[in-house]
Amino acid sequence: MDEPDDRRVQEWLAELEARHFADLTFPEVSRALRALSSAYVERRATLGSGTALSGAGKRAAFALFYAPLHFLLMRHIVRELPHATKIAGPLVDLGCGTGASSAAWATLCGHAPEIIATDRHPWAAEEAKRTYRAFGLRARVRMDDLERAPIPSGSTVLLAFTVNELAPDQRQRLLTRLAGHAEQGGRVLVVEPLARFVAPWWSEWQAVIETAGGRADEWRLRAPLPPLVQKLDRAAGLNHREITGRSLALVR
């Protein structure tokens, strides 16, 4: 992770490792990662219930493996999108998870925006608070359903690996809300996995974003992974020689 604030990134990763391995062994976390990966691929219908993060092992696997991957991918996307590092208002992270994606974005901005983050899972909300503190970011984190989360006028809205977990009716209401936000000059960035089966709704959302003047991109990033992420990747039988994703961006 060759970044200007590399020290803070390394300290964040070291704190994650020390805390989550205080009560768990590496084999326990790698087994949990295999189970978590299976849930994302084979049992997607259960994701909305929050059961994917049931148990300390799965939560540790998410924090130690997926959060750093999301951090790396988000930094790549934000660096490549014109104007993405110029955020005038707050950065609203809906379905923030551990906060890795919005932290990655905010720390690339010349003047880091305030983050308003929402997640309905209590563990994720607490983990996000830790992430933002680790990077010295101003943030307000609330535990709530993202449909009730405020979206201030002029804000930039981030939905990273979140929309795919929503029920169809929730997704449609959210799209309507984001379209209205865009019409009022708000900015939006949606990031999802590259696999098409994860987001069969993508074409509809893409049409809305592109009509508003945005763009759709696919990303393939080859970057050195943190040592623990590499080790977990091998142990769980995964393969992240490339970090991939797709995005819909309205960040004019």
Protein backbone atom coordinates (compact mmCIF):
# COMPACT_ATOMS: atom_id res chain seq x y z
CA MET A 1 0.00 0.00 0.00
CA ASP A 2 2.25 2.77 -1.27
CA GLU A 3 0.35 5.84 -0.11
CA PRO A 4 1.34 9.17 1.47
CA ASP A 5 -0.19 8.10 4.81
CA ASP A 6 1.18 4.57 4.62
CA ARG A 7 2.07 4.65 8.33
CA ARG A 8 -1.55 5.11 9.35
CA VAL A 9 -2.65 2.35 7.01
CA GLN A 10 -0.13 -0.04 8.51
CA GLU A 11 -1.11 0.95 12.04
CA TRP A 12 -4.77 0.34 11.19
CA LEU A 13 -3.97 -3.11 9.84
CA ALA A 14 -1.73 -3.96 12.80
CA GLU A 15 -4.44 -2.94 15.28
CA LEU A 16 -7.01 -5.07 13.44
CA GLU A 17 -4.72 -8.07 13.53
CA ALA A 18 -3.82 -7.69 17.21
CA ARG A 19 -7.41 -7.19 18.31
CA HIS A 20 -9.06 -9.94 16.30
CA PHE A 21 -6.37 -12.52 16.97
CA ALA A 22 -6.47 -11.87 20.70
CA ASP A 23 -9.20 -14.51 21.06
CA LEU A 24 -9.01 -16.38 17.73
CA THR A 25 -6.40 -18.51 16.00
CA PHE A 26 -5.40 -18.20 12.36
CA PRO A 27 -7.06 -21.55 11.44
CA GLU A 28 -10.31 -20.36 13.05
CA VAL A 29 -10.29 -17.15 11.05
CA SER A 30 -9.39 -18.87 7.78
CA ARG A 31 -12.23 -21.38 8.26
CA ALA A 32 -14.59 -18.50 8.97
CA LEU A 33 -13.37 -16.74 5.82
CA ARG A 34 -14.22 -19.81 3.73
CA ALA A 35 -17.70 -19.84 5.25
CA LEU A 36 -18.12 -16.10 4.69
CA SER A 37 -16.97 -16.37 1.08
CA SER A 38 -19.42 -19.21 0.53
CA ALA A 39 -22.24 -17.10 1.93
CA TYR A 40 -21.45 -14.27 -0.48
CA VAL A 41 -21.40 -16.63 -3.48
CA GLU A 42 -23.83 -19.45 -2.73
CA ARG A 43 -26.22 -18.16 -0.06
CA ARG A 44 -26.78 -14.57 -1.10
CA ALA A 45 -30.43 -14.65 -0.02
CA THR A 46 -29.31 -14.71 3.61
CA LEU A 47 -27.14 -11.59 3.43
CA GLY A 48 -29.90 -9.11 4.14
CA SER A 49 -30.60 -10.73 7.51
CA GLY A 50 -27.07 -10.01 8.76
CA THR A 51 -26.30 -13.67 9.43
CA ALA A 52 -23.13 -13.42 7.33
CA LEU A 53 -21.54 -11.58 10.27
CA SER A 54 -22.81 -13.92 12.97
CA GLY A 55 -19.98 -15.13 15.17
CA ALA A 56 -16.60 -13.66 16.06
CA GLY A 57 -14.80 -15.71 13.41
CA LYS A 58 -16.80 -14.31 10.49
CA ARG A 59 -16.57 -10.79 11.82
CA ALA A 60 -12.81 -11.13 12.17
CA ALA A 61 -12.57 -12.56 8.66
CA PHE A 62 -14.51 -9.64 7.24
CA ALA A 63 -12.43 -7.05 9.10
CA LEU A 64 -9.06 -8.67 8.37
CA PHE A 65 -9.66 -9.73 4.77
CA TYR A 66 -12.51 -7.96 2.98
CA ALA A 67 -12.06 -4.55 4.60
CA PRO A 68 -8.44 -4.15 3.36
CA LEU A 69 -9.48 -5.34 -0.12
CA HIS A 70 -12.29 -2.78 -0.20
CA PHE A 71 -9.87 -0.12 1.03
CA LEU A 72 -7.41 -0.85 -1.79
CA LEU A 73 -10.08 -0.97 -4.49
CA MET A 74 -11.72 2.25 -3.31
CA ARG A 75 -8.44 4.13 -3.34
CA HIS A 76 -7.83 2.96 -6.89
CA ILE A 77 -11.30 4.03 -8.04
CA VAL A 78 -11.13 7.44 -6.37
CA ARG A 79 -7.71 8.16 -7.86
CA GLU A 80 -8.99 7.31 -11.34
CA LEU A 81 -12.29 9.21 -11.27
CA PRO A 82 -11.99 12.90 -12.23
CA HIS A 83 -12.97 15.30 -9.43
CA ALA A 84 -13.54 12.49 -6.92
CA THR A 85 -11.07 13.89 -4.40
CA LYS A 86 -12.81 17.28 -4.33
CA ILE A 87 -15.65 16.91 -1.86
CA ALA A 88 -17.28 20.12 -0.67
CA GLY A 89 -19.96 18.71 1.65
CA PRO A 90 -20.16 15.61 3.82
CA LEU A 91 -19.43 12.09 2.58
CA VAL A 92 -22.50 9.97 3.34
CA ASP A 93 -21.63 6.27 3.60
CA LEU A 94 -24.81 4.17 3.43
CA GLY A 95 -24.25 0.61 4.62
CA CYS A 96 -20.77 1.57 5.78
CA GLY A 97 -19.66 -1.83 7.06
CA THR A 98 -16.35 -1.38 8.84
CA GLY A 99 -15.89 2.07 7.28
CA ALA A 100 -12.95 0.98 5.13
CA SER A 101 -14.35 2.31 1.84
CA SER A 102 -15.29 5.79 3.04
CA ALA A 103 -12.03 6.04 5.00
CA ALA A 104 -10.11 5.16 1.84
CA TRP A 105 -11.93 7.90 -0.05
CA ALA A 106 -11.74 10.58 2.62
CA THR A 107 -8.01 10.15 3.21
CA LEU A 108 -7.28 10.84 -0.46
CA CYS A 109 -8.98 14.23 -0.32
CA GLY A 110 -6.88 17.32 0.20
CA HIS A 111 -9.32 18.38 2.90
CA ALA A 112 -10.92 15.28 4.36
CA PRO A 113 -14.72 15.63 4.47
CA GLU A 114 -16.84 14.81 7.47
CA ILE A 115 -18.25 11.30 7.14
CA ILE A 116 -21.86 10.50 7.99
CA ALA A 117 -22.01 6.71 8.15
CA THR A 118 -24.92 4.34 8.67
CA ASP A 119 -25.09 0.59 9.14
CA ARG A 120 -27.79 -1.49 10.76
CA HIS A 121 -25.39 -4.08 12.18
CA PRO A 122 -24.14 -3.06 15.66
CA TRP A 123 -20.74 -4.70 15.23
CA ALA A 124 -20.17 -2.95 11.89
CA ALA A 125 -21.12 0.44 13.33
CA GLU A 126 -18.65 0.05 16.19
CA GLU A 127 -15.94 -1.21 13.84
CA ALA A 128 -16.49 1.79 11.57
CA LYS A 129 -15.95 4.13 14.52
CA ARG A 130 -12.61 2.44 15.17
CA THR A 131 -11.63 2.76 11.51
CA TYR A 132 -12.38 6.47 11.34
CA ARG A 133 -10.49 7.11 14.57
CA ALA A 134 -7.49 5.20 13.22
CA PHE A 135 -7.29 7.62 10.29
CA GLY A 136 -8.08 10.75 12.28
CA LEU A 137 -11.30 11.39 10.37
CA ARG A 138 -14.30 13.38 11.55
CA ALA A 139 -17.24 11.01 11.49
CA ARG A 140 -20.74 10.46 12.82
CA VAL A 141 -21.81 6.83 12.84
CA ARG A 142 -25.39 5.76 13.39
CA MET A 143 -26.87 2.29 13.68
CA ASP A 144 -30.00 2.30 11.54
CA ASP A 145 -31.52 1.06 8.32
CA LEU A 146 -29.98 2.99 5.42
CA GLU A 147 -33.45 3.92 4.13
CA ARG A 148 -33.85 6.17 7.16
CA ALA A 149 -30.37 7.67 6.89
CA PRO A 150 -30.27 11.41 6.14
CA ILE A 151 -28.79 12.54 2.85
CA PRO A 152 -27.96 16.24 3.23
CA SER A 153 -28.27 18.53 0.26
CA GLY A 154 -24.97 18.84 -1.60
CA SER A 155 -23.49 15.72 -0.04
CA THR A 156 -21.61 12.91 -1.74
CA VAL A 157 -23.27 9.52 -1.25
CA LEU A 158 -21.25 6.30 -1.18
CA LEU A 159 -22.81 2.85 -1.44
CA ALA A 160 -19.96 0.33 -1.39
CA PHE A 161 -20.88 -3.38 -1.63
CA THR A 162 -24.27 -2.55 -0.14
CA VAL A 163 -26.98 -2.34 -2.80
CA ASN A 164 -26.63 -6.02 -3.71
CA GLU A 165 -27.79 -6.99 -0.20
CA LEU A 166 -31.06 -5.05 -0.38
CA ALA A 167 -34.48 -6.48 -1.17
CA PRO A 168 -35.85 -5.40 -4.59
CA ASP A 169 -38.40 -2.98 -3.13
CA GLN A 170 -35.76 -1.36 -0.92
CA ARG A 171 -33.42 -1.07 -3.88
CA GLN A 172 -36.08 0.63 -6.00
CA ARG A 173 -36.91 3.17 -3.30
CA LEU A 174 -33.22 3.91 -2.82
CA LEU A 175 -32.71 4.42 -6.55
CA THR A 176 -35.57 6.91 -6.64
CA ARG A 177 -34.08 8.75 -3.68
CA LEU A 178 -30.61 8.88 -5.26
CA ALA A 179 -32.02 10.10 -8.57
CA GLY A 180 -33.67 12.98 -6.71
CA HIS A 181 -30.42 13.72 -4.90
CA ALA A 182 -28.58 13.83 -8.24
CA GLU A 183 -31.18 16.18 -9.73
CA GLN A 184 -30.48 18.58 -6.86
CA GLY A 185 -26.74 18.54 -7.61
CA GLY A 186 -25.72 15.77 -5.22
CA ARG A 187 -23.00 13.28 -6.04
CA VAL A 188 -23.20 9.49 -5.96
CA LEU A 189 -20.75 6.58 -6.13
CA VAL A 190 -21.94 2.98 -6.16
CA VAL A 191 -19.37 0.17 -5.98
CA GLU A 192 -20.15 -3.53 -6.33
CA PRO A 193 -18.35 -6.78 -7.14
CA LEU A 194 -17.62 -7.41 -10.80
CA ALA A 195 -19.52 -10.71 -10.97
CA ARG A 196 -22.74 -10.14 -12.88
CA PHE A 197 -24.86 -12.51 -10.81
CA VAL A 198 -24.32 -10.28 -7.78
CA ALA A 199 -26.11 -7.31 -9.35
CA PRO A 200 -28.79 -8.27 -11.91
CA TRP A 201 -30.26 -4.79 -11.31
CA TRP A 202 -27.09 -3.05 -12.54
CA SER A 203 -28.33 -2.03 -15.99
CA GLU A 204 -31.31 -0.15 -14.53
CA TRP A 205 -29.11 1.75 -12.10
CA GLN A 206 -26.53 2.41 -14.80
CA ALA A 207 -29.18 3.97 -17.02
CA VAL A 208 -30.27 6.33 -14.24
CA ILE A 209 -26.70 7.38 -13.39
CA GLU A 210 -25.67 7.87 -17.01
CA THR A 211 -28.83 9.87 -17.78
CA ALA A 212 -27.85 12.18 -14.93
CA GLY A 213 -24.41 12.66 -16.52
CA GLY A 214 -22.49 9.93 -14.71
CA ARG A 215 -20.41 6.99 -15.86
CA ALA A 216 -20.04 3.24 -15.41
CA ASP A 217 -16.66 1.54 -15.06
CA GLU A 218 -15.16 -1.87 -14.44
CA TRP A 219 -11.96 -2.11 -12.43
CA ARG A 220 -9.16 -4.66 -12.29
CA LEU A 221 -6.39 -3.77 -9.89
CA ARG A 222 -3.14 -5.69 -9.53
CA ALA A 223 -1.55 -4.53 -6.30
CA PRO A 224 0.54 -6.10 -3.54
CA LEU A 225 -1.74 -7.33 -0.80
CA PRO A 226 -0.97 -6.86 2.90
CA PRO A 227 0.85 -9.96 4.19
CA LEU A 228 -2.03 -11.21 6.35
CA VAL A 229 -4.51 -10.77 3.48
CA GLN A 230 -2.20 -12.82 1.25
CA LYS A 231 -1.93 -15.54 3.88
CA LEU A 232 -5.69 -15.71 4.42
CA ASP A 233 -6.27 -15.68 0.67
CA ARG A 234 -4.14 -18.80 0.25
CA ALA A 235 -5.46 -20.56 3.34
CA ALA A 236 -9.09 -20.06 2.31
CA GLY A 237 -8.46 -21.26 -1.24
CA LEU A 238 -9.27 -17.87 -2.76
CA ASN A 239 -7.42 -16.01 -5.49
CA HIS A 240 -7.04 -12.26 -5.35
CA ARG A 241 -4.16 -11.71 -7.73
CA GLU A 242 -6.55 -9.07 -9.07
CA ILE A 243 -8.91 -6.96 -7.00
CA THR A 244 -11.96 -6.34 -9.13
CA GLY A 245 -15.11 -4.29 -8.96
CA ARG A 246 -17.50 -2.11 -10.88
CA SER A 247 -18.77 1.37 -10.19
CA LEU A 248 -21.43 3.87 -11.11
CA ALA A 249 -20.18 7.38 -10.52
CA LEU A 250 -21.77 10.79 -10.59
CA VAL A 251 -18.97 12.91 -9.15
CA ARG A 252 -18.99 15.91 -11.47
